[in-house]
Amino acid sequence: MIFWKKDGEDVYEDVELRETLPNQDGSFQKRSILKVSAEKLQKHTYTCVIEHSSLEKEMVLKIPKDGGSDGGLIGIIIGIIVALVVLVAVVAGIVVWKKKNSGFKHVPVPSRASSDGDSSSNNS
């Protein structure tokens, strides 16, 4: 069972209990979402209480006054951006390396400037 408390009192309003979803390891996950304004989050103490037969006692998770989600999301976004930049740099490095080590050498082609001794102009 998952339930929310505000300043020690049970909360039933603005709680969204999602369906139970299976994990790949055979276990399951349950999600409960409490929608709270930033002002209320600053004024009150919110906790999520989890009761399950696998736990010796109930698990109580205190929600930080800042919501605790902004820092994690920013970290994920920065991590994705860094990974993309590294990927682009690696691909560009491989392309440059392959061009340099392809075994073909650039040989300049002499220009075909007309000269007095040009044998290609055959006047008969």
PDB file of N, CA and C in Angstrom:
ATOM      1  N   MET A   1       0.841  -1.167   0.000  1.00  0.00           N
ATOM      2  CA  MET A   1       0.000   0.000   0.000  1.00  0.00           C
ATOM      3  C   MET A   1       0.895   1.242   0.000  1.00  0.00           C
ATOM      4  N   ILE A   2       0.503   2.231  -0.762  1.00  0.00           N
ATOM      5  CA  ILE A   2       1.215   3.509  -0.828  1.00  0.00           C
ATOM      6  C   ILE A   2       0.229   4.607  -0.460  1.00  0.00           C
ATOM      7  N   PHE A   3       0.623   5.457   0.470  1.00  0.00           N
ATOM      8  CA  PHE A   3      -0.227   6.609   0.780  1.00  0.00           C
ATOM      9  C   PHE A   3       0.636   7.804   1.162  1.00  0.00           C
ATOM     10  N   TRP A   4       0.024   8.964   1.119  1.00  0.00           N
ATOM     11  CA  TRP A   4       0.707  10.235   1.362  1.00  0.00           C
ATOM     12  C   TRP A   4       0.237  10.863   2.666  1.00  0.00           C
ATOM     13  N   LYS A   5       1.167  11.613   3.288  1.00  0.00           N
ATOM     14  CA  LYS A   5       0.822  12.363   4.503  1.00  0.00           C
ATOM     15  C   LYS A   5       1.312  13.799   4.359  1.00  0.00           C
ATOM     16  N   LYS A   6       0.496  14.706   4.897  1.00  0.00           N
ATOM     17  CA  LYS A   6       0.870  16.125   4.966  1.00  0.00           C
ATOM     18  C   LYS A   6       0.877  16.498   6.437  1.00  0.00           C
ATOM     19  N   ASP A   7       2.054  16.870   6.928  1.00  0.00           N
ATOM     20  CA  ASP A   7       2.221  17.209   8.350  1.00  0.00           C
ATOM     21  C   ASP A   7       1.674  16.100   9.257  1.00  0.00           C
ATOM     22  N   GLY A   8       1.872  14.841   8.856  1.00  0.00           N
ATOM     23  CA  GLY A   8       1.449  13.699   9.663  1.00  0.00           C
ATOM     24  C   GLY A   8       0.030  13.228   9.437  1.00  0.00           C
ATOM     25  N   GLU A   9      -0.755  13.967   8.663  1.00  0.00           N
ATOM     26  CA  GLU A   9      -2.154  13.611   8.394  1.00  0.00           C
ATOM     27  C   GLU A   9      -2.276  12.994   6.997  1.00  0.00           C
ATOM     28  N   ASP A  10      -3.109  11.955   6.875  1.00  0.00           N
ATOM     29  CA  ASP A  10      -3.315  11.310   5.577  1.00  0.00           C
ATOM     30  C   ASP A  10      -3.885  12.293   4.559  1.00  0.00           C
ATOM     31  N   VAL A  11      -3.408  12.170   3.315  1.00  0.00           N
ATOM     32  CA  VAL A  11      -3.873  13.019   2.210  1.00  0.00           C
ATOM     33  C   VAL A  11      -4.553  12.115   1.182  1.00  0.00           C
ATOM     34  N   TYR A  12      -5.754  12.508   0.750  1.00  0.00           N
ATOM     35  CA  TYR A  12      -6.485  11.742  -0.248  1.00  0.00           C
ATOM     36  C   TYR A  12      -6.753  12.552  -1.513  1.00  0.00           C
ATOM     37  N   GLU A  13      -6.745  13.870  -1.391  1.00  0.00           N
ATOM     38  CA  GLU A  13      -7.003  14.729  -2.544  1.00  0.00           C
ATOM     39  C   GLU A  13      -5.738  14.882  -3.375  1.00  0.00           C
ATOM     40  N   ASP A  14      -5.906  15.014  -4.676  1.00  0.00           N
ATOM     41  CA  ASP A  14      -4.816  15.218  -5.631  1.00  0.00           C
ATOM     42  C   ASP A  14      -3.802  14.079  -5.622  1.00  0.00           C
ATOM     43  N   VAL A  15      -4.259  12.867  -5.299  1.00  0.00           N
ATOM     44  CA  VAL A  15      -3.396  11.687  -5.333  1.00  0.00           C
ATOM     45  C   VAL A  15      -3.810  10.845  -6.531  1.00  0.00           C
ATOM     46  N   GLU A  16      -2.831  10.486  -7.344  1.00  0.00           N
ATOM     47  CA  GLU A  16      -3.088   9.649  -8.514  1.00  0.00           C
ATOM     48  C   GLU A  16      -2.327   8.338  -8.331  1.00  0.00           C
ATOM     49  N   LEU A  17      -3.064   7.244  -8.223  1.00  0.00           N
ATOM     50  CA  LEU A  17      -2.458   5.929  -8.059  1.00  0.00           C
ATOM     51  C   LEU A  17      -2.459   5.242  -9.418  1.00  0.00           C
ATOM     52  N   ARG A  18      -1.276   4.946  -9.917  1.00  0.00           N
ATOM     53  CA  ARG A  18      -1.146   4.334 -11.246  1.00  0.00           C
ATOM     54  C   ARG A  18      -1.247   2.812 -11.144  1.00  0.00           C
ATOM     55  N   GLU A  19      -1.420   2.179 -12.301  1.00  0.00           N
ATOM     56  CA  GLU A  19      -1.551   0.726 -12.335  1.00  0.00           C
ATOM     57  C   GLU A  19      -0.229   0.043 -11.977  1.00  0.00           C
ATOM     58  N   THR A  20      -0.326  -1.192 -11.541  1.00  0.00           N
ATOM     59  CA  THR A  20       0.848  -1.984 -11.214  1.00  0.00           C
ATOM     60  C   THR A  20       1.496  -2.447 -12.511  1.00  0.00           C
ATOM     61  N   LEU A  21       2.814  -2.245 -12.617  1.00  0.00           N
ATOM     62  CA  LEU A  21       3.543  -2.607 -13.830  1.00  0.00           C
ATOM     63  C   LEU A  21       4.604  -3.655 -13.511  1.00  0.00           C
ATOM     64  N   PRO A  22       4.802  -4.635 -14.415  1.00  0.00           N
ATOM     65  CA  PRO A  22       5.828  -5.659 -14.173  1.00  0.00           C
ATOM     66  C   PRO A  22       7.226  -5.146 -14.532  1.00  0.00           C
ATOM     67  N   ASN A  23       8.219  -5.626 -13.784  1.00  0.00           N
ATOM     68  CA  ASN A  23       9.621  -5.377 -14.113  1.00  0.00           C
ATOM     69  C   ASN A  23      10.169  -6.620 -14.807  1.00  0.00           C
ATOM     70  N   GLN A  24      11.310  -6.496 -15.469  1.00  0.00           N
ATOM     71  CA  GLN A  24      11.887  -7.625 -16.199  1.00  0.00           C
ATOM     72  C   GLN A  24      12.378  -8.732 -15.278  1.00  0.00           C
ATOM     73  N   ASP A  25      12.662  -8.411 -14.015  1.00  0.00           N
ATOM     74  CA  ASP A  25      13.186  -9.418 -13.086  1.00  0.00           C
ATOM     75  C   ASP A  25      12.083 -10.193 -12.365  1.00  0.00           C
ATOM     76  N   GLY A  26      10.835 -10.003 -12.751  1.00  0.00           N
ATOM     77  CA  GLY A  26       9.732 -10.722 -12.134  1.00  0.00           C
ATOM     78  C   GLY A  26       9.057  -9.961 -11.007  1.00  0.00           C
ATOM     79  N   SER A  27       9.643  -8.862 -10.579  1.00  0.00           N
ATOM     80  CA  SER A  27       9.019  -8.035  -9.548  1.00  0.00           C
ATOM     81  C   SER A  27       8.058  -7.047 -10.206  1.00  0.00           C
ATOM     82  N   PHE A  28       7.422  -6.237  -9.392  1.00  0.00           N
ATOM     83  CA  PHE A  28       6.451  -5.276  -9.902  1.00  0.00           C
ATOM     84  C   PHE A  28       6.725  -3.903  -9.322  1.00  0.00           C
ATOM     85  N   GLN A  29       6.192  -2.891  -9.971  1.00  0.00           N
ATOM     86  CA  GLN A  29       6.310  -1.535  -9.450  1.00  0.00           C
ATOM     87  C   GLN A  29       4.938  -0.879  -9.418  1.00  0.00           C
ATOM     88  N   LYS A  30       4.768  -0.028  -8.445  1.00  0.00           N
ATOM     89  CA  LYS A  30       3.519   0.714  -8.272  1.00  0.00           C
ATOM     90  C   LYS A  30       3.893   2.177  -8.134  1.00  0.00           C
ATOM     91  N   ARG A  31       3.141   3.057  -8.755  1.00  0.00           N
ATOM     92  CA  ARG A  31       3.450   4.482  -8.716  1.00  0.00           C
ATOM     93  C   ARG A  31       2.260   5.246  -8.162  1.00  0.00           C
ATOM     94  N   SER A  32       2.555   6.133  -7.210  1.00  0.00           N
ATOM     95  CA  SER A  32       1.549   7.014  -6.632  1.00  0.00           C
ATOM     96  C   SER A  32       2.068   8.440  -6.761  1.00  0.00           C
ATOM     97  N   ILE A  33       1.256   9.316  -7.318  1.00  0.00           N
ATOM     98  CA  ILE A  33       1.678  10.692  -7.585  1.00  0.00           C
ATOM     99  C   ILE A  33       0.795  11.645  -6.788  1.00  0.00           C
ATOM    100  N   LEU A  34       1.454  12.534  -6.053  1.00  0.00           N
ATOM    101  CA  LEU A  34       0.748  13.578  -5.310  1.00  0.00           C
ATOM    102  C   LEU A  34       1.045  14.904  -5.991  1.00  0.00           C
ATOM    103  N   LYS A  35      -0.001  15.595  -6.400  1.00  0.00           N
ATOM    104  CA  LYS A  35       0.173  16.898  -7.048  1.00  0.00           C
ATOM    105  C   LYS A  35       0.039  17.989  -5.997  1.00  0.00           C
ATOM    106  N   VAL A  36       1.135  18.751  -5.825  1.00  0.00           N
ATOM    107  CA  VAL A  36       1.191  19.784  -4.790  1.00  0.00           C
ATOM    108  C   VAL A  36       1.804  21.033  -5.398  1.00  0.00           C
ATOM    109  N   SER A  37       1.240  22.192  -5.073  1.00  0.00           N
ATOM    110  CA  SER A  37       1.812  23.454  -5.558  1.00  0.00           C
ATOM    111  C   SER A  37       3.127  23.730  -4.832  1.00  0.00           C
ATOM    112  N   ALA A  38       3.956  24.558  -5.439  1.00  0.00           N
ATOM    113  CA  ALA A  38       5.250  24.912  -4.840  1.00  0.00           C
ATOM    114  C   ALA A  38       5.060  25.613  -3.498  1.00  0.00           C
ATOM    115  N   GLU A  39       4.014  26.431  -3.391  1.00  0.00           N
ATOM    116  CA  GLU A  39       3.756  27.138  -2.131  1.00  0.00           C
ATOM    117  C   GLU A  39       3.423  26.156  -1.005  1.00  0.00           C
ATOM    118  N   LYS A  40       2.543  25.194  -1.298  1.00  0.00           N
ATOM    119  CA  LYS A  40       2.173  24.206  -0.282  1.00  0.00           C
ATOM    120  C   LYS A  40       3.369  23.329   0.091  1.00  0.00           C
ATOM    121  N   LEU A  41       4.202  23.033  -0.890  1.00  0.00           N
ATOM    122  CA  LEU A  41       5.382  22.213  -0.628  1.00  0.00           C
ATOM    123  C   LEU A  41       6.342  22.913   0.321  1.00  0.00           C
ATOM    124  N   GLN A  42       6.428  24.234   0.208  1.00  0.00           N
ATOM    125  CA  GLN A  42       7.285  25.008   1.108  1.00  0.00           C
ATOM    126  C   GLN A  42       6.685  25.126   2.512  1.00  0.00           C
ATOM    127  N   LYS A  43       5.363  25.210   2.602  1.00  0.00           N
ATOM    128  CA  LYS A  43       4.690  25.437   3.892  1.00  0.00           C
ATOM    129  C   LYS A  43       4.523  24.167   4.726  1.00  0.00           C
ATOM    130  N   HIS A  44       4.409  23.015   4.080  1.00  0.00           N
ATOM    131  CA  HIS A  44       4.068  21.783   4.786  1.00  0.00           C
ATOM    132  C   HIS A  44       5.146  20.715   4.578  1.00  0.00           C
ATOM    133  N   THR A  45       5.087  19.692   5.418  1.00  0.00           N
ATOM    134  CA  THR A  45       5.979  18.544   5.288  1.00  0.00           C
ATOM    135  C   THR A  45       5.180  17.386   4.700  1.00  0.00           C
ATOM    136  N   TYR A  46       5.625  16.890   3.550  1.00  0.00           N
ATOM    137  CA  TYR A  46       4.951  15.786   2.876  1.00  0.00           C
ATOM    138  C   TYR A  46       5.817  14.535   2.962  1.00  0.00           C
ATOM    139  N   THR A  47       5.166  13.396   3.212  1.00  0.00           N
ATOM    140  CA  THR A  47       5.863  12.118   3.243  1.00  0.00           C
ATOM    141  C   THR A  47       5.061  11.090   2.457  1.00  0.00           C
ATOM    142  N   CYS A  48       5.796  10.174   1.846  1.00  0.00           N
ATOM    143  CA  CYS A  48       5.187   9.037   1.160  1.00  0.00           C
ATOM    144  C   CYS A  48       5.434   7.819   2.043  1.00  0.00           C
ATOM    145  N   VAL A  49       4.366   7.087   2.358  1.00  0.00           N
ATOM    146  CA  VAL A  49       4.465   5.927   3.241  1.00  0.00           C
ATOM    147  C   VAL A  49       4.168   4.669   2.420  1.00  0.00           C
ATOM    148  N   ILE A  50       5.075   3.695   2.517  1.00  0.00           N
ATOM    149  CA  ILE A  50       4.941   2.450   1.762  1.00  0.00           C
ATOM    150  C   ILE A  50       4.857   1.289   2.745  1.00  0.00           C
ATOM    151  N   GLU A  51       3.810   0.489   2.606  1.00  0.00           N
ATOM    152  CA  GLU A  51       3.640  -0.718   3.414  1.00  0.00           C
ATOM    153  C   GLU A  51       3.590  -1.910   2.466  1.00  0.00           C
ATOM    154  N   HIS A  52       4.416  -2.919   2.760  1.00  0.00           N
ATOM    155  CA  HIS A  52       4.453  -4.113   1.913  1.00  0.00           C
ATOM    156  C   HIS A  52       4.859  -5.305   2.761  1.00  0.00           C
ATOM    157  N   SER A  53       4.398  -6.482   2.383  1.00  0.00           N
ATOM    158  CA  SER A  53       4.704  -7.690   3.155  1.00  0.00           C
ATOM    159  C   SER A  53       6.198  -8.016   3.162  1.00  0.00           C
ATOM    160  N   SER A  54       6.943  -7.544   2.178  1.00  0.00           N
ATOM    161  CA  SER A  54       8.383  -7.807   2.131  1.00  0.00           C
ATOM    162  C   SER A  54       9.178  -6.883   3.051  1.00  0.00           C
ATOM    163  N   LEU A  55       8.530  -5.855   3.593  1.00  0.00           N
ATOM    164  CA  LEU A  55       9.203  -4.907   4.485  1.00  0.00           C
ATOM    165  C   LEU A  55       8.902  -5.256   5.937  1.00  0.00           C
ATOM    166  N   GLU A  56       9.923  -5.163   6.782  1.00  0.00           N
ATOM    167  CA  GLU A  56       9.714  -5.421   8.208  1.00  0.00           C
ATOM    168  C   GLU A  56       8.845  -4.339   8.842  1.00  0.00           C
ATOM    169  N   LYS A  57       9.064  -3.103   8.423  1.00  0.00           N
ATOM    170  CA  LYS A  57       8.234  -1.995   8.900  1.00  0.00           C
ATOM    171  C   LYS A  57       7.971  -1.065   7.722  1.00  0.00           C
ATOM    172  N   GLU A  58       7.026  -0.169   7.883  1.00  0.00           N
ATOM    173  CA  GLU A  58       6.679   0.730   6.780  1.00  0.00           C
ATOM    174  C   GLU A  58       7.866   1.620   6.425  1.00  0.00           C
ATOM    175  N   MET A  59       7.974   1.923   5.138  1.00  0.00           N
ATOM    176  CA  MET A  59       9.023   2.805   4.642  1.00  0.00           C
ATOM    177  C   MET A  59       8.432   4.201   4.513  1.00  0.00           C
ATOM    178  N   VAL A  60       9.094   5.187   5.109  1.00  0.00           N
ATOM    179  CA  VAL A  60       8.611   6.565   5.076  1.00  0.00           C
ATOM    180  C   VAL A  60       9.647   7.414   4.353  1.00  0.00           C
ATOM    181  N   LEU A  61       9.227   8.023   3.253  1.00  0.00           N
ATOM    182  CA  LEU A  61      10.114   8.865   2.454  1.00  0.00           C
ATOM    183  C   LEU A  61       9.673  10.312   2.567  1.00  0.00           C
ATOM    184  N   LYS A  62      10.546  11.152   3.105  1.00  0.00           N
ATOM    185  CA  LYS A  62      10.234  12.577   3.245  1.00  0.00           C
ATOM    186  C   LYS A  62      10.538  13.274   1.919  1.00  0.00           C
ATOM    187  N   ILE A  63       9.604  14.087   1.464  1.00  0.00           N
ATOM    188  CA  ILE A  63       9.763  14.823   0.215  1.00  0.00           C
ATOM    189  C   ILE A  63      10.469  16.138   0.520  1.00  0.00           C
ATOM    190  N   PRO A  64      11.592  16.426  -0.175  1.00  0.00           N
ATOM    191  CA  PRO A  64      12.307  17.687   0.069  1.00  0.00           C
ATOM    192  C   PRO A  64      11.437  18.898  -0.259  1.00  0.00           C
ATOM    193  N   LYS A  65      11.713  20.005   0.404  1.00  0.00           N
ATOM    194  CA  LYS A  65      10.928  21.237   0.202  1.00  0.00           C
ATOM    195  C   LYS A  65      11.007  21.743  -1.235  1.00  0.00           C
ATOM    196  N   ASP A  66      12.101  21.416  -1.945  1.00  0.00           N
ATOM    197  CA  ASP A  66      12.220  21.857  -3.340  1.00  0.00           C
ATOM    198  C   ASP A  66      11.629  20.841  -4.310  1.00  0.00           C
ATOM    199  N   GLY A  67      11.054  19.783  -3.807  1.00  0.00           N
ATOM    200  CA  GLY A  67      10.466  18.759  -4.659  1.00  0.00           C
ATOM    201  C   GLY A  67      11.450  17.673  -5.026  1.00  0.00           C
ATOM    202  N   GLY A  68      12.739  17.990  -5.009  1.00  0.00           N
ATOM    203  CA  GLY A  68      13.778  17.013  -5.258  1.00  0.00           C
ATOM    204  C   GLY A  68      13.888  16.513  -6.676  1.00  0.00           C
ATOM    205  N   SER A  69      13.163  17.095  -7.629  1.00  0.00           N
ATOM    206  CA  SER A  69      13.206  16.552  -8.985  1.00  0.00           C
ATOM    207  C   SER A  69      13.970  17.421  -9.967  1.00  0.00           C
ATOM    208  N   ASP A  70      14.141  18.699  -9.703  1.00  0.00           N
ATOM    209  CA  ASP A  70      14.791  19.578 -10.680  1.00  0.00           C
ATOM    210  C   ASP A  70      16.255  19.220 -10.897  1.00  0.00           C
ATOM    211  N   GLY A  71      16.995  18.957  -9.833  1.00  0.00           N
ATOM    212  CA  GLY A  71      18.412  18.649  -9.962  1.00  0.00           C
ATOM    213  C   GLY A  71      18.650  17.381 -10.751  1.00  0.00           C
ATOM    214  N   GLY A  72      17.841  16.363 -10.518  1.00  0.00           N
ATOM    215  CA  GLY A  72      18.003  15.110 -11.237  1.00  0.00           C
ATOM    216  C   GLY A  72      17.710  15.263 -12.715  1.00  0.00           C
ATOM    217  N   LEU A  73      16.679  15.998 -13.049  1.00  0.00           N
ATOM    218  CA  LEU A  73      16.322  16.206 -14.448  1.00  0.00           C
ATOM    219  C   LEU A  73      17.401  16.992 -15.171  1.00  0.00           C
ATOM    220  N   ILE A  74      17.923  18.018 -14.541  1.00  0.00           N
ATOM    221  CA  ILE A  74      18.990  18.805 -15.158  1.00  0.00           C
ATOM    222  C   ILE A  74      20.221  17.935 -15.370  1.00  0.00           C
ATOM    223  N   GLY A  75      20.539  17.094 -14.399  1.00  0.00           N
ATOM    224  CA  GLY A  75      21.683  16.192 -14.534  1.00  0.00           C
ATOM    225  C   GLY A  75      21.519  15.234 -15.702  1.00  0.00           C
ATOM    226  N   ILE A  76      20.318  14.716 -15.884  1.00  0.00           N
ATOM    227  CA  ILE A  76      20.050  13.808 -16.996  1.00  0.00           C
ATOM    228  C   ILE A  76      20.192  14.532 -18.323  1.00  0.00           C
ATOM    229  N   ILE A  77      19.643  15.735 -18.418  1.00  0.00           N
ATOM    230  CA  ILE A  77      19.734  16.511 -19.658  1.00  0.00           C
ATOM    231  C   ILE A  77      21.188  16.824 -19.988  1.00  0.00           C
ATOM    232  N   ILE A  78      21.959  17.269 -18.994  1.00  0.00           N
ATOM    233  CA  ILE A  78      23.374  17.576 -19.224  1.00  0.00           C
ATOM    234  C   ILE A  78      24.121  16.311 -19.643  1.00  0.00           C
ATOM    235  N   GLY A  79      23.826  15.195 -19.009  1.00  0.00           N
ATOM    236  CA  GLY A  79      24.470  13.934 -19.371  1.00  0.00           C
ATOM    237  C   GLY A  79      24.192  13.536 -20.809  1.00  0.00           C
ATOM    238  N   ILE A  80      22.957  13.705 -21.257  1.00  0.00           N
ATOM    239  CA  ILE A  80      22.601  13.373 -22.639  1.00  0.00           C
ATOM    240  C   ILE A  80      23.327  14.289 -23.611  1.00  0.00           C
ATOM    241  N   ILE A  81      23.378  15.578 -23.307  1.00  0.00           N
ATOM    242  CA  ILE A  81      24.070  16.530 -24.188  1.00  0.00           C
ATOM    243  C   ILE A  81      25.550  16.189 -24.281  1.00  0.00           C
ATOM    244  N   VAL A  82      26.185  15.910 -23.145  1.00  0.00           N
ATOM    245  CA  VAL A  82      27.610  15.550 -23.152  1.00  0.00           C
ATOM    246  C   VAL A  82      27.828  14.275 -23.963  1.00  0.00           C
ATOM    247  N   ALA A  83      26.961  13.289 -23.798  1.00  0.00           N
ATOM    248  CA  ALA A  83      27.093  12.039 -24.546  1.00  0.00           C
ATOM    249  C   ALA A  83      26.972  12.281 -26.047  1.00  0.00           C
ATOM    250  N   LEU A  84      26.048  13.138 -26.460  1.00  0.00           N
ATOM    251  CA  LEU A  84      25.898  13.446 -27.884  1.00  0.00           C
ATOM    252  C   LEU A  84      27.122  14.162 -28.440  1.00  0.00           C
ATOM    253  N   VAL A  85      27.674  15.112 -27.678  1.00  0.00           N
ATOM    254  CA  VAL A  85      28.869  15.833 -28.126  1.00  0.00           C
ATOM    255  C   VAL A  85      30.040  14.865 -28.270  1.00  0.00           C
ATOM    256  N   VAL A  86      30.204  13.974 -27.305  1.00  0.00           N
ATOM    257  CA  VAL A  86      31.286  12.985 -27.380  1.00  0.00           C
ATOM    258  C   VAL A  86      31.080  12.069 -28.578  1.00  0.00           C
ATOM    259  N   LEU A  87      29.853  11.643 -28.827  1.00  0.00           N
ATOM    260  CA  LEU A  87      29.563  10.779 -29.964  1.00  0.00           C
ATOM    261  C   LEU A  87      29.901  11.466 -31.281  1.00  0.00           C
ATOM    262  N   VAL A  88      29.514  12.723 -31.435  1.00  0.00           N
ATOM    263  CA  VAL A  88      29.825  13.478 -32.655  1.00  0.00           C
ATOM    264  C   VAL A  88      31.335  13.615 -32.817  1.00  0.00           C
ATOM    265  N   ALA A  89      32.052  13.894 -31.732  1.00  0.00           N
ATOM    266  CA  ALA A  89      33.509  14.038 -31.799  1.00  0.00           C
ATOM    267  C   ALA A  89      34.168  12.722 -32.201  1.00  0.00           C
ATOM    268  N   VAL A  90      33.691  11.611 -31.667  1.00  0.00           N
ATOM    269  CA  VAL A  90      34.261  10.304 -32.011  1.00  0.00           C
ATOM    270  C   VAL A  90      34.013   9.984 -33.480  1.00  0.00           C
ATOM    271  N   VAL A  91      32.803  10.201 -33.957  1.00  0.00           N
ATOM    272  CA  VAL A  91      32.487   9.935 -35.367  1.00  0.00           C
ATOM    273  C   VAL A  91      33.332  10.821 -36.277  1.00  0.00           C
ATOM    274  N   ALA A  92      33.456  12.098 -35.951  1.00  0.00           N
ATOM    275  CA  ALA A  92      34.279  13.002 -36.759  1.00  0.00           C
ATOM    276  C   ALA A  92      35.736  12.549 -36.743  1.00  0.00           C
ATOM    277  N   GLY A  93      36.238  12.132 -35.600  1.00  0.00           N
ATOM    278  CA  GLY A  93      37.613  11.643 -35.507  1.00  0.00           C
ATOM    279  C   GLY A  93      37.838  10.408 -36.352  1.00  0.00           C
ATOM    280  N   ILE A  94      36.880   9.487 -36.353  1.00  0.00           N
ATOM    281  CA  ILE A  94      37.004   8.276 -37.167  1.00  0.00           C
ATOM    282  C   ILE A  94      37.003   8.621 -38.647  1.00  0.00           C
ATOM    283  N   VAL A  95      36.139   9.527 -39.066  1.00  0.00           N
ATOM    284  CA  VAL A  95      36.083   9.935 -40.477  1.00  0.00           C
ATOM    285  C   VAL A  95      37.407  10.553 -40.903  1.00  0.00           C
ATOM    286  N   VAL A  96      37.950  11.455 -40.100  1.00  0.00           N
ATOM    287  CA  VAL A  96      39.228  12.098 -40.431  1.00  0.00           C
ATOM    288  C   VAL A  96      40.340  11.060 -40.466  1.00  0.00           C
ATOM    289  N   TRP A  97      40.371  10.155 -39.504  1.00  0.00           N
ATOM    290  CA  TRP A  97      41.414   9.135 -39.443  1.00  0.00           C
ATOM    291  C   TRP A  97      41.344   8.217 -40.661  1.00  0.00           C
ATOM    292  N   LYS A  98      40.125   7.815 -41.068  1.00  0.00           N
ATOM    293  CA  LYS A  98      39.979   6.939 -42.232  1.00  0.00           C
ATOM    294  C   LYS A  98      40.416   7.638 -43.512  1.00  0.00           C
ATOM    295  N   LYS A  99      40.119   8.919 -43.634  1.00  0.00           N
ATOM    296  CA  LYS A  99      40.547   9.653 -44.829  1.00  0.00           C
ATOM    297  C   LYS A  99      42.058   9.727 -44.907  1.00  0.00           C
ATOM    298  N   LYS A 100      42.713   9.958 -43.769  1.00  0.00           N
ATOM    299  CA  LYS A 100      44.173  10.068 -43.760  1.00  0.00           C
ATOM    300  C   LYS A 100      44.844   8.722 -44.000  1.00  0.00           C
ATOM    301  N   ASN A 101      44.252   7.653 -43.554  1.00  0.00           N
ATOM    302  CA  ASN A 101      44.871   6.334 -43.648  1.00  0.00           C
ATOM    303  C   ASN A 101      44.176   5.430 -44.658  1.00  0.00           C
ATOM    304  N   SER A 102      43.577   5.982 -45.687  1.00  0.00           N
ATOM    305  CA  SER A 102      42.827   5.169 -46.634  1.00  0.00           C
ATOM    306  C   SER A 102      43.724   4.481 -47.651  1.00  0.00           C
ATOM    307  N   GLY A 103      45.003   4.834 -47.736  1.00  0.00           N
ATOM    308  CA  GLY A 103      45.904   4.202 -48.687  1.00  0.00           C
ATOM    309  C   GLY A 103      45.965   4.926 -50.017  1.00  0.00           C
ATOM    310  N   PHE A 104      45.111   5.850 -50.237  1.00  0.00           N
ATOM    311  CA  PHE A 104      45.131   6.615 -51.470  1.00  0.00           C
ATOM    312  C   PHE A 104      45.841   7.929 -51.228  1.00  0.00           C
ATOM    313  N   LYS A 105      46.668   8.289 -52.176  1.00  0.00           N
ATOM    314  CA  LYS A 105      47.393   9.552 -52.085  1.00  0.00           C
ATOM    315  C   LYS A 105      46.839  10.497 -53.144  1.00  0.00           C
ATOM    316  N   HIS A 106      46.744  11.730 -52.793  1.00  0.00           N
ATOM    317  CA  HIS A 106      46.290  12.743 -53.739  1.00  0.00           C
ATOM    318  C   HIS A 106      47.456  13.083 -54.668  1.00  0.00           C
ATOM    319  N   VAL A 107      47.270  12.841 -55.957  1.00  0.00           N
ATOM    320  CA  VAL A 107      48.298  13.159 -56.951  1.00  0.00           C
ATOM    321  C   VAL A 107      47.757  14.284 -57.812  1.00  0.00           C
ATOM    322  N   PRO A 108      48.478  15.410 -57.846  1.00  0.00           N
ATOM    323  CA  PRO A 108      47.987  16.512 -58.674  1.00  0.00           C
ATOM    324  C   PRO A 108      48.098  16.168 -60.161  1.00  0.00           C
ATOM    325  N   VAL A 109      47.106  16.535 -60.921  1.00  0.00           N
ATOM    326  CA  VAL A 109      47.079  16.303 -62.361  1.00  0.00           C
ATOM    327  C   VAL A 109      47.665  17.533 -63.038  1.00  0.00           C
ATOM    328  N   PRO A 110      48.662  17.336 -63.938  1.00  0.00           N
ATOM    329  CA  PRO A 110      49.242  18.506 -64.620  1.00  0.00           C
ATOM    330  C   PRO A 110      48.199  19.184 -65.497  1.00  0.00           C
ATOM    331  N   SER A 111      48.257  20.486 -65.521  1.00  0.00           N
ATOM    332  CA  SER A 111      47.284  21.228 -66.330  1.00  0.00           C
ATOM    333  C   SER A 111      47.636  21.091 -67.799  1.00  0.00           C
ATOM    334  N   ARG A 112      46.642  21.200 -68.674  1.00  0.00           N
ATOM    335  CA  ARG A 112      46.836  21.050 -70.118  1.00  0.00           C
ATOM    336  C   ARG A 112      46.906  22.427 -70.757  1.00  0.00           C
ATOM    337  N   ALA A 113      47.944  23.138 -70.458  1.00  0.00           N
ATOM    338  CA  ALA A 113      48.124  24.462 -71.057  1.00  0.00           C
ATOM    339  C   ALA A 113      48.686  24.288 -72.461  1.00  0.00           C
ATOM    340  N   SER A 114      48.174  25.049 -73.393  1.00  0.00           N
ATOM    341  CA  SER A 114      48.663  24.940 -74.774  1.00  0.00           C
ATOM    342  C   SER A 114      50.024  25.620 -74.872  1.00  0.00           C
ATOM    343  N   SER A 115      50.922  24.928 -75.561  1.00  0.00           N
ATOM    344  CA  SER A 115      52.265  25.488 -75.775  1.00  0.00           C
ATOM    345  C   SER A 115      52.649  25.328 -77.237  1.00  0.00           C
ATOM    346  N   ASP A 116      53.759  25.952 -77.635  1.00  0.00           N
ATOM    347  CA  ASP A 116      54.187  25.899 -79.037  1.00  0.00           C
ATOM    348  C   ASP A 116      54.589  24.489 -79.433  1.00  0.00           C
ATOM    349  N   GLY A 117      55.134  23.738 -78.550  1.00  0.00           N
ATOM    350  CA  GLY A 117      55.593  22.394 -78.877  1.00  0.00           C
ATOM    351  C   GLY A 117      54.564  21.336 -78.573  1.00  0.00           C
ATOM    352  N   ASP A 118      53.313  21.699 -78.553  1.00  0.00           N
ATOM    353  CA  ASP A 118      52.257  20.750 -78.230  1.00  0.00           C
ATOM    354  C   ASP A 118      52.035  19.824 -79.404  1.00  0.00           C
ATOM    355  N   SER A 119      52.206  18.522 -79.194  1.00  0.00           N
ATOM    356  CA  SER A 119      52.078  17.566 -80.285  1.00  0.00           C
ATOM    357  C   SER A 119      50.644  17.156 -80.515  1.00  0.00           C
ATOM    358  N   SER A 120      49.759  17.601 -79.660  1.00  0.00           N
ATOM    359  CA  SER A 120      48.375  17.195 -79.826  1.00  0.00           C
ATOM    360  C   SER A 120      47.696  17.929 -80.967  1.00  0.00           C
ATOM    361  N   SER A 121      48.218  19.075 -81.352  1.00  0.00           N
ATOM    362  CA  SER A 121      47.616  19.773 -82.489  1.00  0.00           C
ATOM    363  C   SER A 121      48.345  19.329 -83.735  1.00  0.00           C
ATOM    364  N   ASN A 122      47.730  18.488 -84.494  1.00  0.00           N
ATOM    365  CA  ASN A 122      48.337  17.890 -85.670  1.00  0.00           C
ATOM    366  C   ASN A 122      47.774  18.549 -86.913  1.00  0.00           C
ATOM    367  N   ASN A 123      48.600  19.376 -87.578  1.00  0.00           N
ATOM    368  CA  ASN A 123      48.163  20.027 -88.816  1.00  0.00           C
ATOM    369  C   ASN A 123      48.710  19.242 -89.989  1.00  0.00           C
ATOM    370  N   SER A 124      47.879  18.681 -90.844  1.00  0.00           N
ATOM    371  CA  SER A 124      48.390  17.937 -91.972  1.00  0.00           C
ATOM    372  C   SER A 124      48.158  18.626 -93.253  1.00  0.00           C
TER     373      SER A 124
END
